[in-house]
Amino acid sequence: MKFIDESKIEVFAGKGGNGIASFRREKYIEKGGPDGGDGGNGGSVYALADRNINTLVDYRFTRIHRAKNGEPGRGSDCYGKGADDIVLRMPVGTVITDINSGEVIADLTHDGEKVLLAQGGKGGLGNIHFKSSTNRAPRQCTPGTEGEARELQLELKVLADVGLLGMPNAGKSTFIRSVSAARPKVADYPFTTLHPNLGVVRVSHEKSFVIADIPGLIEGAAEGAGLGHQFLRHLARTRLLLHLVDLAPMYEGTDPIAEARAILNELKKYDQSLYDKPRWLVLNKLDLLEDRDAKIAAFLREFDDFDRYFTISAINGEGCKELTYAIMEHLQAMNELEQQAAADSGQETDANTL
């Protein structure tokens, strides 16, 4: 299935049915009084997060979603039938924005979350609602209201705990194959990865985390060069960034230090909050180095913009297990800090209430 992570759609809720002015007319009952029913409500449009869907491809080709109108009221106190709602199933992680106002309508962060996108119109009132002791034959009725119409931007942000940064051919896809069951394409040419890949890294039976393999960045990505700028949004939800660096580049004259700095410059240009996330340096392809200790030391002397560093060889798994254990410990520590902060905030709120 083709990976699509952006789309624009239009949603139209149904119009409410009109109320009706009607009077009961039967044999021997010449003046039976008003019996016009209400119109039915128009259908609404909802978005539903579904973990079984992982792309917005359905909305790339089907852009208009229109709910049906409610039926008009009838005589004999018969109300019009309300129209069925439309439910649009979307991947978990979808951000829905109103294009005209810029308002973020919904951020679907968990499976089963349901959000109203466009409210259906309300059915009009029949003349049975206008009868009174002084107005026994009302001819008033009201029309149904129009349903809402919106033009929406859908943007999928992959939900992952860890995101991979790095130049093309840094070994990100090989690393994710090494530590998870994901099988992204691996080849010896740049831009092998054309869309984000997710892998679940299982450290034990009870402990696991999700890692995202993002297409490689190049210098100028923040201005639109290459592929990586299209997918940097998928790193926004991650809690830890792994910056993979190829210490044994295939092309002569390639400077790993300059490439590493270029990645950070593009990250900072794109989003300062993304740049400020915890970031670990991962030096890859040790299996291709003869004097690995000297090259690692030389790299670290020139490049120091990271929180921690690890050395691995993704192709044969060297150092990968130790790295995944360290990531799991870091994520658990972050969870504990967040839970403690939430508990302290709750206690403070209770104290203020008292």
Protein backbone atom coordinates (compact mmCIF):
# COMPACT_ATOMS: atom_id res chain seq x y z
CA MET A 1 0.00 0.00 0.00
CA LYS A 2 1.33 3.42 -0.92
CA PHE A 3 2.23 5.56 2.08
CA ILE A 4 0.39 8.87 2.13
CA ASP A 5 0.76 11.17 5.14
CA GLU A 6 -0.96 14.37 3.93
CA SER A 7 -4.30 15.04 2.31
CA LYS A 8 -6.97 17.69 1.94
CA ILE A 9 -10.65 16.79 2.13
CA GLU A 10 -14.02 18.53 2.22
CA VAL A 11 -16.78 17.39 4.56
CA PHE A 12 -20.42 18.38 4.27
CA ALA A 13 -22.94 17.58 6.99
CA GLY A 14 -26.54 16.99 5.93
CA LYS A 15 -29.26 19.63 6.06
CA GLY A 16 -32.08 19.18 8.53
CA GLY A 17 -35.48 18.29 7.06
CA ASN A 18 -38.19 20.95 6.99
CA GLY A 19 -41.08 20.91 9.42
CA ILE A 20 -44.54 20.76 7.87
CA ALA A 21 -47.82 22.55 8.46
CA SER A 22 -50.58 19.96 8.27
CA PHE A 23 -54.08 19.46 9.76
CA ARG A 24 -55.92 16.34 10.70
CA ARG A 25 -58.77 15.66 8.29
CA GLU A 26 -60.87 12.56 8.79
CA LYS A 27 -64.50 11.60 8.35
CA TYR A 28 -66.65 13.20 11.02
CA ILE A 29 -63.58 15.14 12.28
CA GLU A 30 -63.59 18.32 10.23
CA LYS A 31 -61.39 20.34 12.56
CA GLY A 32 -58.94 17.82 13.96
CA GLY A 33 -56.27 20.37 14.63
CA PRO A 34 -52.60 20.62 13.61
CA ASP A 35 -50.65 17.40 13.07
CA GLY A 36 -47.53 18.46 11.12
CA GLY A 37 -44.40 16.62 12.26
CA ASP A 38 -40.81 17.80 12.62
CA GLY A 39 -38.10 17.27 10.04
CA GLY A 40 -35.32 14.78 10.69
CA ASN A 41 -31.81 15.86 11.62
CA GLY A 42 -29.13 15.88 8.94
CA GLY A 43 -26.23 13.45 9.15
CA SER A 44 -23.03 14.55 10.87
CA VAL A 45 -19.45 13.69 9.89
CA TYR A 46 -17.09 12.13 12.44
CA ALA A 47 -13.44 11.05 12.44
CA LEU A 48 -12.50 7.80 14.19
CA ALA A 49 -8.93 6.76 15.02
CA ASP A 50 -8.29 3.19 13.89
CA ARG A 51 -5.01 1.43 14.70
CA ASN A 52 -5.55 -0.95 11.78
CA ILE A 53 -5.04 1.91 9.30
CA ASN A 54 -1.54 3.30 8.78
CA THR A 55 -1.85 5.69 5.85
CA LEU A 56 -4.11 8.44 4.54
CA VAL A 57 -4.15 6.97 1.04
CA ASP A 58 -7.96 6.61 1.04
CA TYR A 59 -8.33 10.37 1.42
CA ARG A 60 -5.89 11.22 -1.34
CA PHE A 61 -8.34 9.98 -3.97
CA THR A 62 -11.69 10.46 -2.20
CA ARG A 63 -11.70 14.09 -1.19
CA ILE A 64 -15.40 14.93 -0.75
CA HIS A 65 -17.45 13.31 2.00
CA ARG A 66 -21.10 14.30 2.16
CA ALA A 67 -23.71 13.17 4.69
CA LYS A 68 -27.36 12.87 3.65
CA ASN A 69 -30.11 15.34 4.47
CA GLY A 70 -32.85 14.64 7.00
CA GLU A 71 -36.31 13.83 5.67
CA PRO A 72 -39.11 16.44 5.93
CA GLY A 73 -41.90 16.01 8.43
CA ARG A 74 -45.28 14.55 7.49
CA GLY A 75 -48.86 14.80 8.58
CA SER A 76 -50.48 12.63 11.23
CA ASP A 77 -47.76 13.64 13.71
CA CYS A 78 -45.12 11.80 11.66
CA TYR A 79 -41.58 13.03 12.11
CA GLY A 80 -39.05 12.86 9.27
CA LYS A 81 -36.29 10.28 9.46
CA GLY A 82 -32.89 11.50 10.59
CA ALA A 83 -29.98 10.81 8.24
CA ASP A 84 -27.18 8.44 9.20
CA ASP A 85 -23.86 9.88 10.32
CA ILE A 86 -20.67 9.35 8.32
CA VAL A 87 -17.63 7.99 10.17
CA LEU A 88 -14.23 8.52 8.52
CA ARG A 89 -11.64 6.05 9.80
CA MET A 90 -8.15 7.53 10.05
CA PRO A 91 -4.76 6.36 11.35
CA VAL A 92 -3.81 6.97 14.94
CA GLY A 93 -1.60 10.07 14.93
CA THR A 94 -3.67 12.09 12.46
CA VAL A 95 -3.91 15.84 13.07
CA ILE A 96 -7.02 17.46 11.56
CA THR A 97 -6.90 21.21 10.86
CA ASP A 98 -9.51 23.58 9.46
CA ILE A 99 -7.83 25.13 6.43
CA ASN A 100 -9.82 28.37 6.51
CA SER A 101 -9.42 29.21 10.20
CA GLY A 102 -6.20 27.35 10.98
CA GLU A 103 -7.88 25.76 14.02
CA VAL A 104 -6.70 22.31 15.02
CA ILE A 105 -9.95 20.36 15.29
CA ALA A 106 -8.52 17.10 16.52
CA ASP A 107 -5.31 15.25 17.28
CA LEU A 108 -6.13 11.54 17.18
CA THR A 109 -3.61 10.06 19.60
CA HIS A 110 -5.27 6.81 20.68
CA ASP A 111 -7.26 4.02 19.07
CA GLY A 112 -11.04 4.47 19.16
CA GLU A 113 -10.95 8.26 19.65
CA LYS A 114 -13.97 9.81 17.91
CA VAL A 115 -14.26 13.50 17.00
CA LEU A 116 -17.03 15.53 15.39
CA LEU A 117 -15.89 17.21 12.17
CA ALA A 118 -19.14 18.70 10.85
CA GLN A 119 -22.44 18.95 12.73
CA GLY A 120 -25.58 17.96 10.87
CA GLY A 121 -28.40 20.46 10.55
CA LYS A 122 -31.30 20.36 12.97
CA GLY A 123 -34.73 19.37 11.71
CA GLY A 124 -37.38 22.08 11.45
CA LEU A 125 -40.46 22.22 13.66
CA GLY A 126 -43.91 21.18 12.47
CA ASN A 127 -47.00 23.18 13.29
CA ILE A 128 -47.90 20.90 16.21
CA HIS A 129 -45.41 22.93 18.25
CA PHE A 130 -47.23 26.22 17.63
CA LYS A 131 -50.73 25.35 18.78
CA SER A 132 -52.11 27.10 21.85
CA SER A 133 -55.39 28.05 23.43
CA THR A 134 -55.43 31.20 21.34
CA ASN A 135 -53.93 29.76 18.16
CA ARG A 136 -55.74 26.52 17.48
CA ALA A 137 -54.94 26.32 13.78
CA PRO A 138 -51.32 27.44 13.46
CA ARG A 139 -49.84 27.52 10.02
CA GLN A 140 -46.34 28.21 11.18
CA CYS A 141 -43.52 25.74 10.62
CA THR A 142 -39.76 26.17 10.42
CA PRO A 143 -37.24 24.95 7.85
CA GLY A 144 -34.34 22.70 8.78
CA THR A 145 -30.97 24.32 9.39
CA GLU A 146 -28.02 23.85 7.10
CA GLY A 147 -25.31 21.38 8.02
CA GLU A 148 -21.72 22.49 8.56
CA ALA A 149 -19.23 22.39 5.70
CA ARG A 150 -15.47 22.40 6.22
CA GLU A 151 -12.31 22.12 4.21
CA LEU A 152 -9.81 20.11 6.23
CA GLN A 153 -6.10 19.36 6.16
CA LEU A 154 -5.16 15.86 7.31
CA GLU A 155 -1.59 15.36 8.50
CA LEU A 156 -0.29 12.05 9.80
CA LYS A 157 2.38 12.20 12.49
CA VAL A 158 3.78 8.76 13.20
CA LEU A 159 3.51 7.72 16.85
CA ALA A 160 6.92 6.42 17.90
CA ASP A 161 9.04 6.57 21.04
CA VAL A 162 12.36 6.82 19.20
CA GLY A 163 13.20 8.48 15.88
CA LEU A 164 16.25 7.87 13.70
CA LEU A 165 18.19 10.78 12.18
CA GLY A 166 20.95 10.52 9.65
CA MET A 167 22.19 11.07 6.14
CA PRO A 168 21.19 8.66 3.37
CA ASN A 169 23.11 5.37 3.74
CA ALA A 170 23.88 6.03 7.42
CA GLY A 171 22.46 2.59 8.19
CA LYS A 172 19.10 3.54 9.69
CA SER A 173 17.12 0.88 7.83
CA THR A 174 19.74 -1.76 8.61
CA PHE A 175 19.58 -0.79 12.28
CA ILE A 176 15.80 -1.06 12.45
CA ARG A 177 16.00 -4.48 10.75
CA SER A 178 18.58 -5.56 13.30
CA VAL A 179 16.60 -4.64 16.43
CA SER A 180 13.00 -5.25 15.32
CA ALA A 181 10.85 -7.40 13.07
CA ALA A 182 10.39 -4.55 10.55
CA ARG A 183 11.89 -5.21 7.13
CA PRO A 184 12.50 -1.91 5.34
CA LYS A 185 14.30 -2.04 2.01
CA VAL A 186 18.10 -1.91 2.29
CA ALA A 187 20.40 -1.12 -0.64
CA ASP A 188 23.77 0.52 -1.33
CA TYR A 189 22.42 3.73 -2.85
CA PRO A 190 21.04 6.96 -1.31
CA PHE A 191 17.34 7.47 -0.68
CA THR A 192 16.51 3.78 -0.46
CA THR A 193 13.93 4.66 2.19
CA LEU A 194 11.09 6.60 0.57
CA HIS A 195 8.63 6.65 3.49
CA PRO A 196 8.80 6.22 7.28
CA ASN A 197 8.99 2.67 8.62
CA LEU A 198 7.97 1.62 12.12
CA GLY A 199 9.46 -1.22 14.10
CA VAL A 200 8.57 -2.57 17.54
CA VAL A 201 11.70 -3.31 19.59
CA ARG A 202 10.91 -5.93 22.22
CA VAL A 203 13.44 -5.87 25.06
CA SER A 204 11.54 -8.45 27.14
CA HIS A 205 8.08 -10.00 27.27
CA GLU A 206 6.72 -6.95 29.11
CA LYS A 207 8.96 -4.18 27.77
CA SER A 208 9.01 -2.76 24.25
CA PHE A 209 9.15 0.52 22.39
CA VAL A 210 8.44 1.79 18.88
CA ILE A 211 11.18 3.13 16.65
CA ALA A 212 10.68 5.16 13.45
CA ASP A 213 13.02 5.02 10.47
CA ILE A 214 12.75 8.41 8.73
CA PRO A 215 14.06 8.96 5.16
CA GLY A 216 17.54 10.47 5.17
CA LEU A 217 18.12 14.19 5.43
CA ILE A 218 20.52 16.17 3.30
CA GLU A 219 21.81 19.71 3.55
CA GLY A 220 19.08 22.13 2.51
CA ALA A 221 16.25 19.83 3.60
CA ALA A 222 14.54 22.58 5.59
CA GLU A 223 14.20 24.53 2.34
CA GLY A 224 12.80 21.51 0.49
CA ALA A 225 15.84 19.62 -0.78
CA GLY A 226 15.73 15.83 -0.74
CA LEU A 227 13.06 13.77 0.97
CA GLY A 228 13.66 14.19 4.68
CA HIS A 229 11.90 17.55 5.09
CA GLN A 230 8.61 15.90 4.07
CA PHE A 231 8.82 13.53 7.02
CA LEU A 232 10.41 15.56 9.82
CA ARG A 233 6.93 16.03 11.25
CA HIS A 234 6.97 12.35 12.19
CA LEU A 235 9.74 13.04 14.70
CA ALA A 236 7.60 15.61 16.54
CA ARG A 237 5.99 13.01 18.83
CA THR A 238 9.16 11.03 19.55
CA ARG A 239 10.74 11.20 22.98
CA LEU A 240 14.30 10.40 21.97
CA LEU A 241 16.30 10.95 18.77
CA LEU A 242 19.10 8.65 17.65
CA HIS A 243 21.56 10.41 15.34
CA LEU A 244 23.22 7.70 13.24
CA VAL A 245 26.56 8.58 11.67
CA ASP A 246 28.37 6.51 9.04
CA LEU A 247 32.02 6.32 10.11
CA ALA A 248 32.95 4.43 6.92
CA PRO A 249 31.30 6.37 4.08
CA MET A 250 31.32 4.69 0.67
CA TYR A 251 32.44 7.82 -1.19
CA GLU A 252 35.95 9.20 -0.79
CA GLY A 253 36.17 12.74 0.48
CA THR A 254 33.00 12.45 2.54
CA ASP A 255 33.42 14.06 5.96
CA PRO A 256 31.23 12.39 8.65
CA ILE A 257 31.70 15.35 10.99
CA ALA A 258 30.47 17.86 8.40
CA GLU A 259 27.51 15.62 7.60
CA ALA A 260 26.59 15.29 11.28
CA ARG A 261 26.66 19.05 11.73
CA ALA A 262 24.59 19.56 8.58
CA ILE A 263 21.88 17.26 9.99
CA LEU A 264 21.67 19.29 13.19
CA ASN A 265 21.54 22.56 11.26
CA GLU A 266 18.59 21.31 9.21
CA LEU A 267 16.86 20.07 12.36
CA LYS A 268 17.28 23.45 14.05
CA LYS A 269 16.01 25.32 10.99
CA TYR A 270 12.95 23.13 10.79
CA ASP A 271 11.86 23.21 14.45
CA GLN A 272 13.73 24.39 17.54
CA SER A 273 11.63 22.15 19.82
CA LEU A 274 12.68 19.15 17.74
CA TYR A 275 16.31 20.18 18.01
CA ASP A 276 15.95 20.45 21.80
CA LYS A 277 14.75 16.85 22.22
CA PRO A 278 17.10 14.36 23.92
CA ARG A 279 19.51 13.22 21.21
CA TRP A 280 21.99 10.35 21.34
CA LEU A 281 24.87 9.89 18.93
CA VAL A 282 25.19 6.42 17.37
CA LEU A 283 28.41 5.74 15.43
CA ASN A 284 27.67 3.00 12.91
CA LYS A 285 29.56 0.60 10.57
CA LEU A 286 32.35 -0.29 12.99
CA ASP A 287 32.81 -3.56 11.11
CA LEU A 288 34.35 -1.59 8.21
CA LEU A 289 36.94 0.20 10.35
CA GLU A 290 40.41 -1.11 11.00
CA ASP A 291 41.53 1.59 13.44
CA ARG A 292 38.11 2.10 14.99
CA ASP A 293 39.29 3.47 18.36
CA ALA A 294 41.34 6.23 16.73
CA LYS A 295 38.54 7.23 14.34
CA ILE A 296 35.93 7.27 17.12
CA ALA A 297 38.19 9.41 19.31
CA ALA A 298 38.90 11.79 16.43
CA PHE A 299 35.20 12.16 15.67
CA LEU A 300 34.26 12.83 19.30
CA ARG A 301 36.96 15.52 19.61
CA GLU A 302 35.36 17.50 16.79
CA PHE A 303 31.68 16.74 17.40
CA ASP A 304 30.21 17.10 20.88
CA ASP A 305 26.53 18.04 20.30
CA PHE A 306 24.85 14.99 21.89
CA ASP A 307 23.68 13.73 25.27
CA ARG A 308 25.18 10.21 25.08
CA TYR A 309 27.01 8.22 22.45
CA PHE A 310 27.12 4.56 21.41
CA THR A 311 29.12 2.59 18.86
CA ILE A 312 27.44 -0.16 16.84
CA SER A 313 27.62 -2.25 13.71
CA ALA A 314 24.01 -2.60 12.57
CA ILE A 315 24.82 -5.18 9.90
CA ASN A 316 25.99 -7.79 12.43
CA GLY A 317 24.24 -6.51 15.55
CA GLU A 318 27.37 -5.48 17.45
CA GLY A 319 26.42 -3.05 20.23
CA CYS A 320 22.73 -3.00 19.24
CA LYS A 321 21.48 -4.94 22.26
CA GLU A 322 23.25 -2.63 24.70
CA LEU A 323 21.77 0.38 22.88
CA THR A 324 18.20 -0.96 23.03
CA TYR A 325 18.53 -1.68 26.76
CA ALA A 326 19.76 1.87 27.36
CA ILE A 327 16.84 3.27 25.34
CA MET A 328 14.34 1.22 27.35
CA GLU A 329 15.83 2.45 30.64
CA HIS A 330 15.67 6.06 29.41
CA LEU A 331 12.02 5.75 28.34
CA GLN A 332 11.07 4.15 31.65
CA ALA A 333 12.77 6.95 33.56
CA MET A 334 10.88 9.52 31.49
CA ASN A 335 7.60 7.72 32.20
CA GLU A 336 8.29 7.79 35.94
CA LEU A 337 9.10 11.50 35.86
CA GLU A 338 5.92 12.26 33.91
CA GLN A 339 3.79 10.21 36.29
CA GLN A 340 5.35 11.94 39.29
CA ALA A 341 4.77 15.36 37.72
CA ALA A 342 1.14 14.45 37.01
CA ALA A 343 0.67 13.26 40.58
CA ASP A 344 2.21 16.43 42.02
CA SER A 345 0.00 18.55 39.76
CA GLY A 346 -3.09 16.67 40.93
CA GLN A 347 -2.19 17.14 44.59
CA GLU A 348 -1.63 20.85 44.06
CA THR A 349 -5.03 21.17 42.37
CA ASP A 350 -6.74 19.35 45.26
CA ALA A 351 -5.02 21.62 47.80
CA ASN A 352 -6.15 24.72 45.93
CA THR A 353 -9.72 23.39 45.82
CA LEU A 354 -9.73 22.81 49.56
